[in-house]
Amino acid sequence: MNAYITAVSAFLPGAPVSNEDLDRFLGSVEKLSSRTRRLILAGNGIKTRYYAIDPDSGRSTHSNAALTAEAVRLLQSTIGGEPIACLCCGTSSPDQLMPGHASMVHGELGIEPCEVVSTAGVCLTGITALKYGAMAVALGASPNAVATGSESASSYLGNDFFMAMNGGARDEVGEGHPAFCFEADFLRWMLSDGAGAVWIDNRPAGDDRLSLRIDWIEIISHAQRLESCMYAGAIKHQDGSLTGWRELLRQGQPAGQGIFTIKQDARLLNRQVIATLVGDSLPPLVAKYRLAPDDIDWFLPHYSSDYFRVPLAQQLHDIGFAIPEDRWYTNLADKGNTGSASFFIMLEELFRSGKLRKGDRLLGMIPESGRFSVGYLQLTVL
């Protein structure tokens, strides 16, 4: 693929937030949430994360578009004055249903006219944006592209949002309030805010600057056989189907019945995420690209919780593709789980670490539990 990443940036709002300071940003929680929080924080390995929240006022400090624009401005400061030809922005938490996220970022930046592309979904949206930008450059349709991943998860996580979503009715299985059910409360202690961006060019950077050749990007969905696992703006039925918010409102369901909280089917996640998105998805790519674990110098896995690190290592071993953990690169513990921005934020840290050497191969793995999709990509250091 004739496309190269020549600069990487990341923007994280505010100061790091420790586990002990969560109440200052998200609000105090009642006993059930407190028990869930202790359980999740004990297993996810996250020590600090970032929120676009002023802890004193509780107000948001940045919109999602503003977070993304900050990451793009940092990128532009590295590249210089070259105009952006194609702006590709992915997120699972846009500020509004319409207009598209990329249009809002373009407006926030106030730059010259350019092509804009918004990608929707969950954690994979940053990689689908990256693939669109890489294909546009490789095909000669654009002289350059910027791809971003960003999340403003904190706007979904605060106690004030949960209270607004709590209509007082019982959920479908009769276990408390829908807004405060475990499926929703589970994610409050997993997600955080941030944005990352990459500059994609049709040639490597000059002046001995680091570049990453995009060798390939593969995106695989298993939605044809698996039900939704992570969702918002809908309710999930016993048969695994979803009913979306518009139909629910038409049926007279109040908007406050937890419809818009993000929910995760944790049992389905545990059962399928590693087996499906690694065990069923990686072997065909190993065969297609003749991959060998010894050829991978850096493995960048986006996993939502340290809980999945050991199962991931075991699954790689079971398919004959074990990569020693001293070649893994993750910053989950101190940057948190920033969804579609996570891979960009990991890549930016590694890019400026001084650890990369000419010829190094990077393998990225970005799973999405929404309805079980995964992205894999290989980059080579130039």
Protein backbone atom coordinates (compact mmCIF):
# COMPACT_ATOMS: atom_id res chain seq x y z
CA MET A 1 0.00 0.00 0.00
CA ASN A 2 1.51 3.34 -1.06
CA ALA A 3 0.53 5.14 2.13
CA TYR A 4 2.70 6.20 5.06
CA ILE A 5 2.04 7.56 8.54
CA THR A 6 4.49 10.42 8.94
CA ALA A 7 3.21 11.99 12.17
CA VAL A 8 1.11 10.90 15.15
CA SER A 9 -0.51 12.99 17.88
CA ALA A 10 -2.62 12.50 20.98
CA PHE A 11 -4.62 14.86 23.16
CA LEU A 12 -5.79 13.97 26.66
CA PRO A 13 -7.86 16.58 28.53
CA GLY A 14 -6.98 17.86 31.96
CA ALA A 15 -4.85 16.05 34.53
CA PRO A 16 -4.75 12.29 35.19
CA VAL A 17 -7.66 11.11 37.35
CA SER A 18 -6.86 8.41 39.90
CA ASN A 19 -9.26 5.75 41.09
CA GLU A 20 -9.54 7.60 44.39
CA ASP A 21 -10.72 10.78 42.63
CA LEU A 22 -13.50 9.28 40.48
CA ASP A 23 -16.29 10.70 42.66
CA ARG A 24 -15.00 14.24 42.11
CA PHE A 25 -15.55 13.88 38.37
CA LEU A 26 -18.44 11.42 38.00
CA GLY A 27 -20.35 12.15 41.20
CA SER A 28 -20.98 10.00 44.24
CA VAL A 29 -22.72 6.69 43.69
CA GLU A 30 -25.13 4.59 45.69
CA LYS A 31 -24.25 1.23 47.25
CA LEU A 32 -24.89 -0.97 44.21
CA SER A 33 -22.71 1.17 41.95
CA SER A 34 -20.05 1.33 44.65
CA ARG A 35 -19.83 -2.48 44.75
CA THR A 36 -19.69 -2.65 40.94
CA ARG A 37 -16.96 -0.01 40.91
CA ARG A 38 -14.79 -1.94 43.37
CA LEU A 39 -15.23 -5.12 41.33
CA ILE A 40 -14.41 -3.52 37.97
CA LEU A 41 -11.49 -1.40 39.17
CA ALA A 42 -9.94 -4.44 40.86
CA GLY A 43 -9.75 -6.23 37.52
CA ASN A 44 -9.33 -3.64 34.78
CA GLY A 45 -5.81 -2.53 35.71
CA ILE A 46 -6.55 1.16 35.08
CA LYS A 47 -4.78 3.41 37.59
CA THR A 48 -5.38 6.79 35.94
CA ARG A 49 -7.49 8.11 33.09
CA TYR A 50 -8.61 11.47 31.66
CA TYR A 51 -12.01 13.18 31.65
CA ALA A 52 -13.07 16.33 29.82
CA ILE A 53 -14.83 17.48 33.00
CA ASP A 54 -14.20 20.39 35.34
CA PRO A 55 -14.40 18.68 38.76
CA ASP A 56 -15.51 21.88 40.49
CA SER A 57 -18.43 22.78 38.22
CA GLY A 58 -19.12 19.33 36.73
CA ARG A 59 -19.31 20.92 33.29
CA SER A 60 -17.60 19.49 30.21
CA THR A 61 -14.36 21.23 29.27
CA HIS A 62 -14.34 19.97 25.67
CA SER A 63 -16.85 18.60 23.22
CA ASN A 64 -15.82 15.52 21.25
CA ALA A 65 -15.22 17.73 18.20
CA ALA A 66 -13.01 20.02 20.29
CA LEU A 67 -10.98 17.08 21.65
CA THR A 68 -10.41 15.84 18.10
CA ALA A 69 -9.51 19.30 16.81
CA GLU A 70 -6.85 19.61 19.52
CA ALA A 71 -5.26 16.34 18.37
CA VAL A 72 -5.34 17.52 14.74
CA ARG A 73 -3.75 20.86 15.66
CA LEU A 74 -0.92 19.03 17.41
CA LEU A 75 -0.47 17.00 14.23
CA GLN A 76 -0.41 20.13 12.08
CA SER A 77 2.27 21.66 14.30
CA THR A 78 4.49 18.69 13.43
CA ILE A 79 3.75 18.63 9.70
CA GLY A 80 3.85 22.36 9.04
CA GLY A 81 1.58 24.31 6.75
CA GLU A 82 0.46 21.63 4.26
CA PRO A 83 -3.34 21.79 3.84
CA ILE A 84 -5.40 18.77 4.86
CA ALA A 85 -6.95 17.16 1.78
CA CYS A 86 -9.07 14.46 3.45
CA LEU A 87 -10.25 14.51 7.08
CA CYS A 88 -11.46 11.11 8.34
CA CYS A 89 -12.88 11.05 11.86
CA GLY A 90 -14.12 8.05 13.82
CA THR A 91 -15.87 7.98 17.19
CA SER A 92 -18.53 6.07 19.09
CA SER A 93 -19.61 9.18 21.03
CA PRO A 94 -20.34 12.06 18.62
CA ASP A 95 -21.72 15.23 20.13
CA GLN A 96 -24.96 14.93 18.14
CA LEU A 97 -26.78 12.58 15.77
CA MET A 98 -26.39 15.03 12.88
CA PRO A 99 -24.27 16.58 11.36
CA GLY A 100 -21.50 14.01 11.06
CA HIS A 101 -18.59 14.11 13.49
CA ALA A 102 -15.99 14.93 10.81
CA SER A 103 -18.01 17.96 9.71
CA MET A 104 -18.05 19.23 13.28
CA VAL A 105 -14.30 18.70 13.62
CA HIS A 106 -13.75 20.52 10.32
CA GLY A 107 -15.82 23.42 11.61
CA GLU A 108 -13.95 23.43 14.91
CA LEU A 109 -10.62 23.59 13.07
CA GLY A 110 -11.77 26.37 10.74
CA ILE A 111 -9.41 25.20 7.99
CA GLU A 112 -9.75 25.37 4.21
CA PRO A 113 -12.33 23.21 2.35
CA CYS A 114 -11.49 19.50 2.28
CA GLU A 115 -13.12 16.10 1.97
CA VAL A 116 -14.65 14.92 5.26
CA VAL A 117 -15.61 11.38 6.23
CA SER A 118 -17.28 10.25 9.48
CA THR A 119 -17.15 6.60 10.53
CA ALA A 120 -19.64 5.18 13.03
CA GLY A 121 -19.54 2.20 15.36
CA VAL A 122 -17.58 1.57 18.55
CA CYS A 123 -13.84 0.99 19.06
CA LEU A 124 -13.17 0.22 15.38
CA THR A 125 -14.27 3.63 14.14
CA GLY A 126 -10.75 5.06 14.40
CA ILE A 127 -9.36 2.22 12.30
CA THR A 128 -12.11 2.45 9.68
CA ALA A 129 -11.25 6.15 9.43
CA LEU A 130 -7.58 5.21 9.09
CA LYS A 131 -8.35 2.67 6.37
CA TYR A 132 -10.43 5.16 4.36
CA GLY A 133 -7.65 7.75 4.58
CA ALA A 134 -4.96 5.21 3.65
CA MET A 135 -6.95 3.97 0.65
CA ALA A 136 -7.63 7.53 -0.53
CA VAL A 137 -3.91 8.32 -0.45
CA ALA A 138 -2.78 4.97 -1.91
CA LEU A 139 -5.24 5.30 -4.82
CA GLY A 140 -4.08 8.84 -5.56
CA ALA A 141 -7.53 10.24 -4.79
CA SER A 142 -6.05 12.50 -2.09
CA PRO A 143 -2.48 13.81 -1.73
CA ASN A 144 -2.74 13.36 2.04
CA ALA A 145 -5.23 12.44 4.74
CA VAL A 146 -5.71 12.88 8.46
CA ALA A 147 -7.38 10.05 10.38
CA THR A 148 -8.62 10.43 13.95
CA GLY A 149 -10.17 8.43 16.74
CA SER A 150 -11.76 10.20 19.69
CA GLU A 151 -14.10 9.65 22.59
CA SER A 152 -16.03 11.89 24.95
CA ALA A 153 -17.22 9.00 27.10
CA SER A 154 -17.44 11.06 30.29
CA SER A 155 -20.61 12.73 29.03
CA TYR A 156 -22.29 9.31 29.39
CA LEU A 157 -20.70 8.34 32.70
CA GLY A 158 -21.56 10.95 35.30
CA ASN A 159 -24.09 10.40 38.03
CA ASP A 160 -26.11 13.35 36.70
CA PHE A 161 -26.49 11.63 33.32
CA PHE A 162 -27.55 8.36 34.97
CA MET A 163 -30.09 10.17 37.11
CA ALA A 164 -31.50 11.88 34.02
CA MET A 165 -31.81 8.47 32.35
CA ASN A 166 -33.52 6.88 35.36
CA GLY A 167 -37.27 6.85 34.76
CA GLY A 168 -38.00 4.82 37.89
CA ALA A 169 -39.38 1.80 36.03
CA ARG A 170 -38.05 -1.72 36.34
CA ASP A 171 -36.16 -3.27 33.48
CA GLU A 172 -37.28 -6.23 31.36
CA VAL A 173 -36.02 -8.83 33.77
CA GLY A 174 -37.19 -6.97 36.88
CA GLU A 175 -33.78 -6.12 38.30
CA GLY A 176 -33.87 -2.49 39.34
CA HIS A 177 -33.72 0.67 37.30
CA PRO A 178 -32.61 0.34 33.66
CA ALA A 179 -30.23 3.28 33.88
CA PHE A 180 -28.45 1.73 36.88
CA CYS A 181 -28.48 -1.92 35.81
CA PHE A 182 -25.16 -3.79 35.89
CA GLU A 183 -24.88 -3.79 32.08
CA ALA A 184 -24.78 0.03 32.15
CA ASP A 185 -22.93 0.53 35.44
CA PHE A 186 -20.19 -1.87 34.32
CA LEU A 187 -18.92 0.57 31.69
CA ARG A 188 -18.85 3.64 33.94
CA TRP A 189 -15.54 2.43 35.39
CA MET A 190 -14.03 1.31 32.07
CA LEU A 191 -14.23 4.27 29.68
CA SER A 192 -12.50 7.65 29.47
CA ASP A 193 -11.81 10.59 27.16
CA GLY A 194 -9.11 11.33 24.61
CA ALA A 195 -8.29 11.82 20.95
CA GLY A 196 -5.52 10.79 18.60
CA ALA A 197 -4.64 11.54 15.00
CA VAL A 198 -2.26 10.44 12.26
CA TRP A 199 -1.04 12.17 9.12
CA ILE A 200 -1.05 9.89 6.06
CA ASP A 201 1.15 10.79 3.08
CA ASN A 202 1.99 9.13 -0.24
CA ARG A 203 5.70 9.04 0.58
CA PRO A 204 7.81 8.64 3.72
CA ALA A 205 8.89 11.69 5.69
CA GLY A 206 12.23 13.23 4.76
CA ASP A 207 15.03 14.59 6.95
CA ASP A 208 15.51 11.26 8.73
CA ARG A 209 12.13 11.60 10.45
CA LEU A 210 10.32 8.45 11.48
CA SER A 211 7.64 7.03 9.15
CA LEU A 212 5.40 3.99 9.31
CA ARG A 213 4.51 2.24 6.08
CA ILE A 214 0.93 0.97 6.16
CA ASP A 215 1.37 -2.59 4.89
CA TRP A 216 -2.25 -3.68 5.25
CA ILE A 217 -5.42 -3.13 7.24
CA GLU A 218 -8.06 -5.84 7.62
CA ILE A 219 -11.48 -5.41 9.24
CA ILE A 220 -13.64 -8.45 9.99
CA SER A 221 -17.23 -8.56 11.27
CA HIS A 222 -18.93 -11.56 12.86
CA ALA A 223 -22.36 -9.91 13.09
CA GLN A 224 -23.88 -12.55 10.82
CA ARG A 225 -23.77 -15.05 13.70
CA LEU A 226 -23.46 -13.08 16.94
CA GLU A 227 -25.91 -10.75 18.65
CA SER A 228 -25.14 -7.25 19.88
CA CYS A 229 -22.92 -7.05 22.95
CA MET A 230 -22.32 -3.32 23.47
CA TYR A 231 -25.05 -0.87 22.58
CA ALA A 232 -26.69 2.48 23.32
CA GLY A 233 -29.90 4.10 22.16
CA ALA A 234 -31.74 0.77 22.28
CA ILE A 235 -32.96 -1.99 24.56
CA LYS A 236 -31.94 -5.61 24.15
CA HIS A 237 -34.53 -8.38 24.28
CA GLN A 238 -34.22 -11.92 25.58
CA ASP A 239 -33.77 -13.24 22.01
CA GLY A 240 -30.76 -10.94 21.51
CA SER A 241 -32.50 -8.49 19.18
CA LEU A 242 -32.45 -4.72 19.67
CA THR A 243 -35.25 -2.18 19.47
CA GLY A 244 -33.90 1.28 18.70
CA TRP A 245 -34.77 4.54 20.42
CA ARG A 246 -37.00 5.92 17.68
CA GLU A 247 -39.27 2.92 17.71
CA LEU A 248 -39.28 2.90 21.51
CA LEU A 249 -40.37 6.53 21.64
CA ARG A 250 -43.06 5.87 19.04
CA GLN A 251 -44.34 3.08 21.29
CA GLY A 252 -44.57 5.50 24.21
CA GLN A 253 -41.45 4.38 26.07
CA PRO A 254 -40.09 7.38 28.04
CA ALA A 255 -36.62 8.46 26.92
CA GLY A 256 -35.49 8.25 30.55
CA GLN A 257 -35.81 4.47 30.83
CA GLY A 258 -32.06 3.93 30.42
CA ILE A 259 -32.35 3.89 26.62
CA PHE A 260 -29.33 6.11 26.09
CA THR A 261 -26.93 4.67 28.65
CA ILE A 262 -24.14 2.55 27.15
CA LYS A 263 -24.62 -1.10 28.04
CA GLN A 264 -22.42 -4.17 27.82
CA ASP A 265 -23.57 -7.79 27.90
CA ALA A 266 -20.64 -8.88 30.08
CA ARG A 267 -21.38 -12.61 29.88
CA LEU A 268 -21.51 -12.55 26.09
CA LEU A 269 -18.33 -10.45 26.06
CA ASN A 270 -16.42 -12.94 28.19
CA ARG A 271 -17.64 -15.87 26.10
CA GLN A 272 -16.89 -14.48 22.65
CA VAL A 273 -14.48 -11.55 22.53
CA ILE A 274 -11.19 -13.48 22.64
CA ALA A 275 -12.40 -16.70 21.00
CA THR A 276 -14.06 -14.88 18.09
CA LEU A 277 -11.91 -11.82 17.53
CA VAL A 278 -8.60 -13.60 17.97
CA GLY A 279 -9.15 -17.35 17.64
CA ASP A 280 -11.50 -17.15 14.65
CA SER A 281 -10.14 -13.97 13.05
CA LEU A 282 -6.35 -13.95 13.22
CA PRO A 283 -5.45 -17.38 11.71
CA PRO A 284 -6.84 -16.51 8.23
CA LEU A 285 -4.71 -13.34 8.24
CA VAL A 286 -1.63 -15.28 9.38
CA ALA A 287 -2.11 -17.53 6.35
CA LYS A 288 -2.95 -14.69 3.94
CA TYR A 289 0.09 -12.56 4.83
CA ARG A 290 2.40 -15.43 5.85
CA LEU A 291 2.87 -13.94 9.28
CA ALA A 292 5.17 -15.38 11.91
CA PRO A 293 5.27 -14.23 15.54
CA ASP A 294 9.05 -13.86 15.38
CA ASP A 295 8.59 -11.21 12.66
CA ILE A 296 6.47 -8.99 14.93
CA ASP A 297 8.62 -6.57 16.89
CA TRP A 298 5.75 -4.73 18.59
CA PHE A 299 2.23 -5.96 19.30
CA LEU A 300 -0.26 -3.18 20.06
CA PRO A 301 -3.46 -4.78 21.37
CA HIS A 302 -6.39 -2.60 22.38
CA TYR A 303 -8.10 -4.43 25.21
CA SER A 304 -10.63 -2.77 27.45
CA SER A 305 -9.40 -4.29 30.68
CA ASP A 306 -6.30 -6.03 32.03
CA TYR A 307 -8.73 -8.84 32.82
CA PHE A 308 -8.37 -9.90 29.16
CA ARG A 309 -4.56 -9.82 28.99
CA VAL A 310 -3.96 -13.41 30.15
CA PRO A 311 -6.81 -14.91 28.03
CA LEU A 312 -5.44 -13.00 25.03
CA ALA A 313 -1.94 -14.36 25.58
CA GLN A 314 -3.35 -17.88 25.98
CA GLN A 315 -5.42 -17.61 22.80
CA LEU A 316 -2.40 -16.42 20.81
CA HIS A 317 -0.49 -19.43 22.15
CA ASP A 318 -3.33 -21.79 21.28
CA ILE A 319 -3.39 -20.68 17.61
CA GLY A 320 0.39 -20.98 17.33
CA PHE A 321 1.02 -17.21 17.26
CA ALA A 322 2.41 -16.50 20.73
CA ILE A 323 4.09 -13.10 21.02
CA PRO A 324 6.17 -12.66 24.19
CA GLU A 325 4.69 -9.97 26.40
CA ASP A 326 7.94 -8.00 26.41
CA ARG A 327 7.00 -7.15 22.80
CA TRP A 328 3.50 -5.96 23.71
CA TYR A 329 2.89 -2.24 24.00
CA THR A 330 -0.06 -0.87 25.95
CA ASN A 331 -0.71 2.20 28.07
CA LEU A 332 -4.10 1.12 29.44
CA ALA A 333 -2.94 1.51 33.06
CA ASP A 334 -2.18 5.22 32.84
CA LYS A 335 -4.17 6.45 29.81
CA GLY A 336 -7.35 4.40 30.37
CA ASN A 337 -9.67 2.84 27.81
CA THR A 338 -10.36 5.57 25.25
CA GLY A 339 -12.24 3.36 22.78
CA SER A 340 -11.65 4.39 19.18
CA ALA A 341 -8.77 6.67 20.26
CA SER A 342 -6.88 3.94 22.16
CA PHE A 343 -4.80 2.63 19.26
CA PHE A 344 -3.80 6.15 18.20
CA ILE A 345 -2.83 7.06 21.77
CA MET A 346 -0.74 3.88 22.11
CA LEU A 347 0.88 4.48 18.73
CA GLU A 348 1.73 8.11 19.55
CA GLU A 349 3.46 7.10 22.78
CA LEU A 350 5.47 4.36 21.06
CA PHE A 351 6.22 6.65 18.08
CA ARG A 352 7.97 9.21 20.30
CA SER A 353 9.50 6.71 22.74
CA GLY A 354 12.77 6.22 20.88
CA LYS A 355 12.20 2.46 20.90
CA LEU A 356 11.33 2.02 17.22
CA ARG A 357 14.06 0.95 14.80
CA LYS A 358 14.18 0.81 11.02
CA GLY A 359 12.53 -2.37 9.78
CA ASP A 360 10.51 -2.99 12.94
CA ARG A 361 7.07 -4.47 12.26
CA LEU A 362 4.07 -3.41 14.33
CA LEU A 363 0.92 -5.51 14.56
CA GLY A 364 -2.16 -3.71 15.85
CA MET A 365 -5.28 -5.47 17.13
CA ILE A 366 -8.43 -3.42 17.71
CA PRO A 367 -11.49 -5.44 18.79
CA GLU A 368 -15.00 -4.04 18.95
CA SER A 369 -17.61 -5.80 21.04
CA GLY A 370 -20.54 -3.84 19.55
CA ARG A 371 -21.55 -6.78 17.41
CA PHE A 372 -18.11 -8.41 17.38
CA SER A 373 -15.81 -6.91 14.79
CA VAL A 374 -12.03 -6.64 14.82
CA GLY A 375 -9.38 -4.73 12.97
CA TYR A 376 -5.80 -5.89 12.42
CA LEU A 377 -3.10 -3.84 10.75
CA GLN A 378 0.61 -4.11 10.07
CA LEU A 379 2.96 -1.13 9.99
CA THR A 380 6.67 -1.16 9.12
CA VAL A 381 9.12 1.41 10.50
CA LEU A 382 11.06 3.39 7.88
